Amino acid sequence: MRQQKEELPEADRGKAFAALVHRTLMRREKSDLDKIAQKMGMSYPAFYNRLRHATPFSADEIQSLLIIVRDPDIASFLLAGSPFVAAERQIGPESISFEKNLERGAERIVIEAADVLRAAYEALRDNRIDHREELTIRQAIDEAERALLTLRGHLDVLR
């Protein structure tokens, strides 16, 4: 069972969300940020103000950001503390690639589960788990969880 995180005050959550988005997007080129801002229908300075939390993101902007950036960590942040987990939407069975997506989903589960086992094995070499190792294991579990839910979604489309 997951440990519930302490809830942040609303203002701190807004700052923490902006900081997460900023960290996620700063790995990209400035021209990518310009394109993201443009796709979101705002100027680069307005978008950057949101990344620096000078102006909070609106619900519509967060939805646009999730559609454009497609980063599961952003969705997971929003779902933290709730009973929900972010999973990728599925391509329906009418798609030519449905079987291939199902196969890739199953392969991804095996890979992600192996990553969890590897992280746990490496962490337990010295018979203890420090905070960095715990974070690595939790991240691997989150990825494995998303992979399982994505595969379930592929199967649910068949109903």
N, C-alpha and C. Protein backbone atom coordinates (compact mmCIF):
# COMPACT_ATOMS: atom_id res chain seq x y z
N MET A 1 0.84 -1.18 0.00
CA MET A 1 0.00 0.00 0.00
C MET A 1 0.89 1.24 0.00
N ARG A 2 0.49 2.23 -0.77
CA ARG A 2 1.28 3.45 -0.85
C ARG A 2 1.13 4.30 0.39
N GLN A 3 2.23 4.93 0.74
CA GLN A 3 2.21 5.83 1.87
C GLN A 3 1.62 7.15 1.38
N GLN A 4 0.63 7.69 2.10
CA GLN A 4 0.02 8.95 1.72
C GLN A 4 0.98 10.09 2.06
N LYS A 5 1.15 10.99 1.10
CA LYS A 5 2.00 12.15 1.35
C LYS A 5 1.21 13.20 2.11
N GLU A 6 1.92 13.98 2.89
CA GLU A 6 1.29 15.07 3.60
C GLU A 6 0.79 16.08 2.58
N GLU A 7 -0.44 16.55 2.74
CA GLU A 7 -0.99 17.50 1.79
C GLU A 7 -0.37 18.86 2.00
N LEU A 8 -0.03 19.49 0.88
CA LEU A 8 0.53 20.83 0.92
C LEU A 8 -0.60 21.85 0.90
N PRO A 9 -0.38 23.03 1.51
CA PRO A 9 -1.37 24.10 1.37
C PRO A 9 -1.53 24.42 -0.12
N GLU A 10 -2.69 24.94 -0.50
CA GLU A 10 -3.00 25.17 -1.91
C GLU A 10 -1.93 26.00 -2.62
N ALA A 11 -1.45 27.07 -1.99
CA ALA A 11 -0.44 27.93 -2.61
C ALA A 11 0.86 27.15 -2.83
N ASP A 12 1.25 26.32 -1.85
CA ASP A 12 2.47 25.53 -1.98
C ASP A 12 2.33 24.47 -3.07
N ARG A 13 1.12 23.90 -3.20
CA ARG A 13 0.88 22.91 -4.25
C ARG A 13 1.02 23.55 -5.62
N GLY A 14 0.52 24.78 -5.76
CA GLY A 14 0.67 25.50 -7.03
C GLY A 14 2.12 25.75 -7.37
N LYS A 15 2.89 26.13 -6.37
CA LYS A 15 4.33 26.37 -6.57
C LYS A 15 5.04 25.05 -6.89
N ALA A 16 4.68 23.99 -6.17
CA ALA A 16 5.31 22.69 -6.40
C ALA A 16 4.98 22.18 -7.80
N PHE A 17 3.73 22.39 -8.25
CA PHE A 17 3.33 21.97 -9.59
C PHE A 17 4.12 22.75 -10.64
N ALA A 18 4.20 24.07 -10.47
CA ALA A 18 4.95 24.90 -11.42
C ALA A 18 6.42 24.49 -11.45
N ALA A 19 6.98 24.17 -10.28
CA ALA A 19 8.39 23.74 -10.23
C ALA A 19 8.58 22.41 -10.95
N LEU A 20 7.65 21.48 -10.78
CA LEU A 20 7.74 20.19 -11.48
C LEU A 20 7.67 20.40 -12.99
N VAL A 21 6.73 21.20 -13.45
CA VAL A 21 6.60 21.45 -14.89
C VAL A 21 7.86 22.15 -15.39
N HIS A 22 8.37 23.09 -14.63
CA HIS A 22 9.59 23.81 -15.01
C HIS A 22 10.76 22.84 -15.16
N ARG A 23 10.95 21.96 -14.15
CA ARG A 23 12.04 20.97 -14.22
C ARG A 23 11.86 20.04 -15.42
N THR A 24 10.64 19.61 -15.64
CA THR A 24 10.34 18.70 -16.75
C THR A 24 10.66 19.35 -18.09
N LEU A 25 10.27 20.60 -18.25
CA LEU A 25 10.43 21.28 -19.54
C LEU A 25 11.81 21.88 -19.75
N MET A 26 12.54 22.11 -18.67
CA MET A 26 13.87 22.71 -18.83
C MET A 26 14.87 21.75 -19.48
N ARG A 27 14.50 20.49 -19.57
CA ARG A 27 15.34 19.52 -20.28
C ARG A 27 15.25 19.72 -21.78
N ARG A 28 14.33 20.55 -22.21
CA ARG A 28 14.09 20.77 -23.63
C ARG A 28 14.76 22.06 -24.09
N GLU A 29 14.79 22.23 -25.39
CA GLU A 29 15.33 23.46 -25.99
C GLU A 29 14.34 24.60 -25.80
N LYS A 30 14.85 25.86 -25.81
CA LYS A 30 13.97 27.02 -25.69
C LYS A 30 12.95 27.05 -26.82
N SER A 31 13.36 26.65 -28.02
CA SER A 31 12.42 26.65 -29.14
C SER A 31 11.26 25.68 -28.88
N ASP A 32 11.52 24.58 -28.16
CA ASP A 32 10.44 23.67 -27.79
C ASP A 32 9.46 24.35 -26.84
N LEU A 33 10.00 25.15 -25.91
CA LEU A 33 9.13 25.88 -24.97
C LEU A 33 8.28 26.89 -25.72
N ASP A 34 8.86 27.56 -26.72
CA ASP A 34 8.09 28.48 -27.55
C ASP A 34 6.95 27.75 -28.24
N LYS A 35 7.24 26.56 -28.77
CA LYS A 35 6.21 25.77 -29.47
C LYS A 35 5.12 25.32 -28.51
N ILE A 36 5.51 24.91 -27.31
CA ILE A 36 4.52 24.49 -26.31
C ILE A 36 3.62 25.67 -25.96
N ALA A 37 4.22 26.83 -25.70
CA ALA A 37 3.44 28.03 -25.38
C ALA A 37 2.48 28.36 -26.52
N GLN A 38 2.98 28.29 -27.74
CA GLN A 38 2.15 28.60 -28.90
C GLN A 38 0.98 27.62 -29.01
N LYS A 39 1.26 26.32 -28.84
CA LYS A 39 0.20 25.31 -28.90
C LYS A 39 -0.84 25.52 -27.79
N MET A 40 -0.38 26.07 -26.65
CA MET A 40 -1.30 26.33 -25.55
C MET A 40 -2.05 27.64 -25.75
N GLY A 41 -1.71 28.38 -26.82
CA GLY A 41 -2.40 29.63 -27.12
C GLY A 41 -1.95 30.79 -26.28
N MET A 42 -0.67 30.79 -25.87
CA MET A 42 -0.16 31.91 -25.07
C MET A 42 1.22 32.31 -25.54
N SER A 43 1.63 33.49 -25.15
CA SER A 43 2.97 33.97 -25.50
C SER A 43 4.00 33.25 -24.63
N TYR A 44 5.26 33.29 -25.09
CA TYR A 44 6.32 32.67 -24.30
C TYR A 44 6.43 33.33 -22.93
N PRO A 45 6.41 34.70 -22.83
CA PRO A 45 6.49 35.31 -21.49
C PRO A 45 5.35 34.88 -20.56
N ALA A 46 4.13 34.77 -21.10
CA ALA A 46 3.00 34.34 -20.27
C ALA A 46 3.21 32.90 -19.80
N PHE A 47 3.69 32.05 -20.70
CA PHE A 47 3.96 30.65 -20.35
C PHE A 47 5.07 30.57 -19.30
N TYR A 48 6.13 31.35 -19.51
CA TYR A 48 7.24 31.34 -18.56
C TYR A 48 6.80 31.83 -17.18
N ASN A 49 5.87 32.79 -17.13
CA ASN A 49 5.33 33.26 -15.84
C ASN A 49 4.64 32.12 -15.09
N ARG A 50 4.03 31.22 -15.83
CA ARG A 50 3.41 30.07 -15.18
C ARG A 50 4.46 29.09 -14.68
N LEU A 51 5.51 28.90 -15.47
CA LEU A 51 6.58 28.00 -15.04
C LEU A 51 7.27 28.51 -13.78
N ARG A 52 7.34 29.80 -13.62
CA ARG A 52 7.98 30.41 -12.44
C ARG A 52 6.98 30.69 -11.34
N HIS A 53 5.72 30.33 -11.53
CA HIS A 53 4.60 30.49 -10.62
C HIS A 53 4.32 31.96 -10.27
N ALA A 54 4.67 32.86 -11.20
CA ALA A 54 4.26 34.26 -11.03
C ALA A 54 2.75 34.35 -11.29
N THR A 55 2.27 33.49 -12.16
CA THR A 55 0.84 33.35 -12.46
C THR A 55 0.53 31.86 -12.39
N PRO A 56 -0.50 31.46 -11.65
CA PRO A 56 -0.80 30.02 -11.57
C PRO A 56 -1.41 29.50 -12.88
N PHE A 57 -1.21 28.21 -13.13
CA PHE A 57 -1.83 27.54 -14.27
C PHE A 57 -3.33 27.43 -14.00
N SER A 58 -4.14 27.64 -15.02
CA SER A 58 -5.59 27.40 -14.90
C SER A 58 -5.85 25.92 -15.18
N ALA A 59 -7.04 25.45 -14.86
CA ALA A 59 -7.39 24.05 -15.13
C ALA A 59 -7.31 23.76 -16.63
N ASP A 60 -7.78 24.67 -17.46
CA ASP A 60 -7.71 24.47 -18.92
C ASP A 60 -6.26 24.42 -19.40
N GLU A 61 -5.40 25.25 -18.82
CA GLU A 61 -3.99 25.24 -19.20
C GLU A 61 -3.31 23.94 -18.78
N ILE A 62 -3.68 23.43 -17.62
CA ILE A 62 -3.10 22.15 -17.16
C ILE A 62 -3.53 21.04 -18.11
N GLN A 63 -4.79 21.04 -18.50
CA GLN A 63 -5.27 20.03 -19.44
C GLN A 63 -4.51 20.13 -20.76
N SER A 64 -4.34 21.34 -21.29
CA SER A 64 -3.57 21.53 -22.53
C SER A 64 -2.14 21.06 -22.36
N LEU A 65 -1.55 21.37 -21.22
CA LEU A 65 -0.17 20.96 -20.95
C LEU A 65 -0.04 19.44 -20.98
N LEU A 66 -0.98 18.74 -20.36
CA LEU A 66 -0.95 17.28 -20.35
C LEU A 66 -1.09 16.71 -21.77
N ILE A 67 -1.91 17.33 -22.58
CA ILE A 67 -2.11 16.86 -23.95
C ILE A 67 -0.87 17.11 -24.79
N ILE A 68 -0.25 18.26 -24.62
CA ILE A 68 0.89 18.66 -25.45
C ILE A 68 2.19 18.00 -24.99
N VAL A 69 2.47 18.03 -23.70
CA VAL A 69 3.75 17.56 -23.17
C VAL A 69 3.77 16.03 -22.98
N ARG A 70 2.65 15.44 -22.60
CA ARG A 70 2.53 13.99 -22.43
C ARG A 70 3.57 13.40 -21.47
N ASP A 71 3.65 13.99 -20.29
CA ASP A 71 4.60 13.50 -19.28
C ASP A 71 3.82 12.90 -18.12
N PRO A 72 4.01 11.60 -17.83
CA PRO A 72 3.23 10.97 -16.76
C PRO A 72 3.52 11.54 -15.38
N ASP A 73 4.69 12.13 -15.16
CA ASP A 73 4.98 12.70 -13.85
C ASP A 73 4.08 13.89 -13.54
N ILE A 74 3.71 14.66 -14.57
CA ILE A 74 2.81 15.79 -14.37
C ILE A 74 1.43 15.28 -13.96
N ALA A 75 0.93 14.27 -14.67
CA ALA A 75 -0.37 13.69 -14.32
C ALA A 75 -0.32 13.05 -12.94
N SER A 76 0.75 12.37 -12.62
CA SER A 76 0.88 11.72 -11.31
C SER A 76 0.88 12.72 -10.18
N PHE A 77 1.51 13.88 -10.39
CA PHE A 77 1.52 14.93 -9.37
C PHE A 77 0.09 15.35 -9.05
N LEU A 78 -0.70 15.52 -10.10
CA LEU A 78 -2.08 15.97 -9.91
C LEU A 78 -2.94 14.91 -9.22
N LEU A 79 -2.58 13.65 -9.39
CA LEU A 79 -3.35 12.55 -8.82
C LEU A 79 -2.83 12.08 -7.46
N ALA A 80 -1.69 12.63 -7.02
CA ALA A 80 -1.08 12.21 -5.75
C ALA A 80 -2.08 12.38 -4.60
N GLY A 81 -2.13 11.37 -3.75
CA GLY A 81 -3.04 11.41 -2.60
C GLY A 81 -4.44 10.94 -2.92
N SER A 82 -4.72 10.72 -4.20
CA SER A 82 -6.04 10.23 -4.59
C SER A 82 -5.94 8.72 -4.85
N PRO A 83 -7.05 8.06 -5.03
CA PRO A 83 -6.99 6.62 -5.33
C PRO A 83 -6.72 6.32 -6.80
N PHE A 84 -6.36 7.34 -7.58
CA PHE A 84 -6.18 7.18 -9.02
C PHE A 84 -4.72 7.18 -9.42
N VAL A 85 -4.42 6.50 -10.53
CA VAL A 85 -3.08 6.43 -11.10
C VAL A 85 -3.18 6.80 -12.57
N ALA A 86 -2.23 7.56 -13.07
CA ALA A 86 -2.24 7.94 -14.48
C ALA A 86 -1.90 6.74 -15.35
N ALA A 87 -2.64 6.57 -16.43
CA ALA A 87 -2.37 5.52 -17.41
C ALA A 87 -2.60 6.11 -18.79
N GLU A 88 -1.92 5.58 -19.79
CA GLU A 88 -2.07 6.08 -21.15
C GLU A 88 -3.39 5.63 -21.74
N ARG A 89 -3.99 6.50 -22.55
CA ARG A 89 -5.21 6.13 -23.27
C ARG A 89 -4.85 5.12 -24.35
N GLN A 90 -5.85 4.35 -24.77
CA GLN A 90 -5.60 3.24 -25.67
C GLN A 90 -6.05 3.52 -27.10
N ILE A 91 -5.43 2.81 -28.02
CA ILE A 91 -5.87 2.78 -29.40
C ILE A 91 -6.85 1.62 -29.51
N GLY A 92 -8.00 1.84 -30.11
CA GLY A 92 -9.04 0.83 -30.18
C GLY A 92 -8.69 -0.33 -31.09
N PRO A 93 -9.47 -1.43 -31.00
CA PRO A 93 -9.20 -2.64 -31.78
C PRO A 93 -9.37 -2.43 -33.28
N GLU A 94 -10.11 -1.37 -33.70
CA GLU A 94 -10.26 -1.13 -35.13
C GLU A 94 -8.96 -0.64 -35.76
N SER A 95 -8.01 -0.25 -34.93
CA SER A 95 -6.72 0.20 -35.44
C SER A 95 -5.90 -0.98 -35.93
N ILE A 96 -5.16 -0.76 -36.99
CA ILE A 96 -4.29 -1.81 -37.54
C ILE A 96 -3.24 -2.22 -36.53
N SER A 97 -2.81 -1.27 -35.68
CA SER A 97 -1.71 -1.53 -34.76
C SER A 97 -2.18 -2.04 -33.39
N PHE A 98 -3.45 -2.38 -33.24
CA PHE A 98 -3.94 -2.80 -31.93
C PHE A 98 -3.19 -4.01 -31.39
N GLU A 99 -3.03 -5.06 -32.20
CA GLU A 99 -2.34 -6.27 -31.74
C GLU A 99 -0.90 -5.95 -31.38
N LYS A 100 -0.26 -5.11 -32.20
CA LYS A 100 1.13 -4.74 -31.93
C LYS A 100 1.21 -3.95 -30.61
N ASN A 101 0.25 -3.05 -30.38
CA ASN A 101 0.24 -2.29 -29.13
C ASN A 101 0.04 -3.21 -27.93
N LEU A 102 -0.80 -4.22 -28.10
CA LEU A 102 -1.03 -5.18 -27.02
C LEU A 102 0.26 -5.94 -26.71
N GLU A 103 0.95 -6.37 -27.76
CA GLU A 103 2.22 -7.08 -27.60
C GLU A 103 3.26 -6.18 -26.92
N ARG A 104 3.36 -4.96 -27.38
CA ARG A 104 4.33 -4.02 -26.78
C ARG A 104 3.99 -3.73 -25.32
N GLY A 105 2.69 -3.66 -25.02
CA GLY A 105 2.27 -3.43 -23.64
C GLY A 105 2.71 -4.56 -22.72
N ALA A 106 2.55 -5.79 -23.20
CA ALA A 106 2.98 -6.94 -22.39
C ALA A 106 4.49 -6.94 -22.21
N GLU A 107 5.22 -6.62 -23.26
CA GLU A 107 6.69 -6.54 -23.16
C GLU A 107 7.10 -5.46 -22.18
N ARG A 108 6.41 -4.33 -22.23
CA ARG A 108 6.74 -3.21 -21.34
C ARG A 108 6.56 -3.60 -19.88
N ILE A 109 5.53 -4.38 -19.59
CA ILE A 109 5.29 -4.82 -18.21
C ILE A 109 6.47 -5.64 -17.72
N VAL A 110 6.94 -6.56 -18.54
CA VAL A 110 8.08 -7.41 -18.16
C VAL A 110 9.31 -6.54 -17.89
N ILE A 111 9.56 -5.60 -18.77
CA ILE A 111 10.73 -4.72 -18.61
C ILE A 111 10.61 -3.88 -17.34
N GLU A 112 9.44 -3.28 -17.13
CA GLU A 112 9.25 -2.43 -15.95
C GLU A 112 9.33 -3.24 -14.66
N ALA A 113 8.76 -4.45 -14.65
CA ALA A 113 8.85 -5.31 -13.46
C ALA A 113 10.30 -5.69 -13.19
N ALA A 114 11.07 -5.97 -14.24
CA ALA A 114 12.49 -6.28 -14.08
C ALA A 114 13.24 -5.08 -13.50
N ASP A 115 12.85 -3.88 -13.90
CA ASP A 115 13.48 -2.68 -13.35
C ASP A 115 13.21 -2.54 -11.85
N VAL A 116 11.99 -2.88 -11.43
CA VAL A 116 11.67 -2.84 -10.00
C VAL A 116 12.55 -3.84 -9.25
N LEU A 117 12.62 -5.06 -9.76
CA LEU A 117 13.44 -6.09 -9.11
C LEU A 117 14.91 -5.69 -9.06
N ARG A 118 15.42 -5.13 -10.17
CA ARG A 118 16.82 -4.70 -10.20
C ARG A 118 17.08 -3.60 -9.17
N ALA A 119 16.19 -2.62 -9.10
CA ALA A 119 16.36 -1.52 -8.15
C ALA A 119 16.33 -2.03 -6.71
N ALA A 120 15.40 -2.95 -6.42
CA ALA A 120 15.32 -3.51 -5.07
C ALA A 120 16.56 -4.34 -4.75
N TYR A 121 17.00 -5.15 -5.69
CA TYR A 121 18.18 -5.98 -5.49
C TYR A 121 19.41 -5.12 -5.21
N GLU A 122 19.61 -4.09 -6.03
CA GLU A 122 20.77 -3.22 -5.83
C GLU A 122 20.69 -2.47 -4.51
N ALA A 123 19.50 -2.06 -4.13
CA ALA A 123 19.34 -1.32 -2.87
C ALA A 123 19.61 -2.20 -1.66
N LEU A 124 19.28 -3.47 -1.76
CA LEU A 124 19.42 -4.37 -0.61
C LEU A 124 20.79 -5.02 -0.49
N ARG A 125 21.70 -4.68 -1.37
CA ARG A 125 23.05 -5.27 -1.28
C ARG A 125 23.70 -5.05 0.08
N ASP A 126 23.47 -3.87 0.65
CA ASP A 126 24.05 -3.56 1.95
C ASP A 126 23.05 -3.76 3.10
N ASN A 127 21.98 -4.50 2.83
CA ASN A 127 20.96 -4.84 3.82
C ASN A 127 20.20 -3.64 4.38
N ARG A 128 20.14 -2.56 3.62
CA ARG A 128 19.32 -1.41 4.02
C ARG A 128 18.97 -0.61 2.76
N ILE A 129 17.93 0.18 2.85
CA ILE A 129 17.51 1.01 1.73
C ILE A 129 17.55 2.46 2.18
N ASP A 130 18.39 3.27 1.53
CA ASP A 130 18.44 4.69 1.89
C ASP A 130 17.38 5.46 1.09
N HIS A 131 17.25 6.75 1.35
CA HIS A 131 16.17 7.54 0.75
C HIS A 131 16.29 7.63 -0.77
N ARG A 132 17.50 7.68 -1.30
CA ARG A 132 17.66 7.73 -2.77
C ARG A 132 17.26 6.40 -3.40
N GLU A 133 17.63 5.32 -2.76
CA GLU A 133 17.26 4.00 -3.28
C GLU A 133 15.75 3.80 -3.21
N GLU A 134 15.15 4.27 -2.13
CA GLU A 134 13.69 4.17 -2.00
C GLU A 134 13.01 4.95 -3.12
N LEU A 135 13.52 6.14 -3.42
CA LEU A 135 12.95 6.95 -4.50
C LEU A 135 13.07 6.22 -5.84
N THR A 136 14.22 5.61 -6.09
CA THR A 136 14.44 4.86 -7.33
C THR A 136 13.47 3.69 -7.44
N ILE A 137 13.28 2.98 -6.34
CA ILE A 137 12.35 1.83 -6.33
C ILE A 137 10.93 2.32 -6.55
N ARG A 138 10.54 3.39 -5.87
CA ARG A 138 9.18 3.93 -6.04
C ARG A 138 8.93 4.39 -7.48
N GLN A 139 9.92 5.02 -8.09
CA GLN A 139 9.77 5.45 -9.48
C GLN A 139 9.62 4.24 -10.41
N ALA A 140 10.38 3.20 -10.16
CA ALA A 140 10.27 1.98 -10.97
C ALA A 140 8.90 1.34 -10.78
N ILE A 141 8.39 1.35 -9.56
CA ILE A 141 7.05 0.80 -9.30
C ILE A 141 5.99 1.63 -10.03
N ASP A 142 6.13 2.96 -9.99
CA ASP A 142 5.17 3.82 -10.69
C ASP A 142 5.14 3.51 -12.19
N GLU A 143 6.32 3.32 -12.78
CA GLU A 143 6.38 2.98 -14.21
C GLU A 143 5.74 1.62 -14.48
N ALA A 144 5.99 0.65 -13.61
CA ALA A 144 5.40 -0.68 -13.78
C ALA A 144 3.88 -0.60 -13.63
N GLU A 145 3.43 0.19 -12.69
CA GLU A 145 1.99 0.37 -12.48
C GLU A 145 1.33 0.97 -13.72
N ARG A 146 1.96 2.00 -14.28
CA ARG A 146 1.42 2.60 -15.51
C ARG A 146 1.39 1.59 -16.65
N ALA A 147 2.42 0.76 -16.75
CA ALA A 147 2.47 -0.24 -17.81
C ALA A 147 1.33 -1.25 -17.65
N LEU A 148 1.08 -1.69 -16.43
CA LEU A 148 -0.02 -2.63 -16.18
C LEU A 148 -1.37 -2.00 -16.51
N LEU A 149 -1.57 -0.76 -16.09
CA LEU A 149 -2.84 -0.09 -16.36
C LEU A 149 -3.04 0.17 -17.85
N THR A 150 -1.96 0.45 -18.55
CA THR A 150 -2.05 0.65 -19.98
C THR A 150 -2.47 -0.64 -20.68
N LEU A 151 -1.88 -1.74 -20.28
CA LEU A 151 -2.26 -3.03 -20.86
C LEU A 151 -3.72 -3.35 -20.53
N ARG A 152 -4.12 -3.09 -19.31
CA ARG A 152 -5.52 -3.31 -18.94
C ARG A 152 -6.44 -2.49 -19.84
N GLY A 153 -6.04 -1.27 -20.11
CA GLY A 153 -6.83 -0.42 -21.00
C GLY A 153 -6.95 -0.99 -22.40
N HIS A 154 -5.87 -1.58 -22.89
CA HIS A 154 -5.92 -2.24 -24.21
C HIS A 154 -6.97 -3.35 -24.20
N LEU A 155 -6.99 -4.12 -23.13
CA LEU A 155 -7.93 -5.24 -23.03
C LEU A 155 -9.36 -4.74 -22.82
N ASP A 156 -9.53 -3.66 -22.06
CA ASP A 156 -10.86 -3.11 -21.81
C ASP A 156 -11.52 -2.62 -23.09
N VAL A 157 -10.72 -2.18 -24.04
CA VAL A 157 -11.26 -1.70 -25.31
C VAL A 157 -11.96 -2.82 -26.08
N LEU A 158 -11.58 -4.05 -25.80
CA LEU A 158 -12.17 -5.20 -26.50
C LEU A 158 -13.60 -5.49 -26.05
N ARG A 159 -14.00 -4.99 -24.91
CA ARG A 159 -15.34 -5.30 -24.36
C ARG A 159 -16.43 -4.68 -25.17
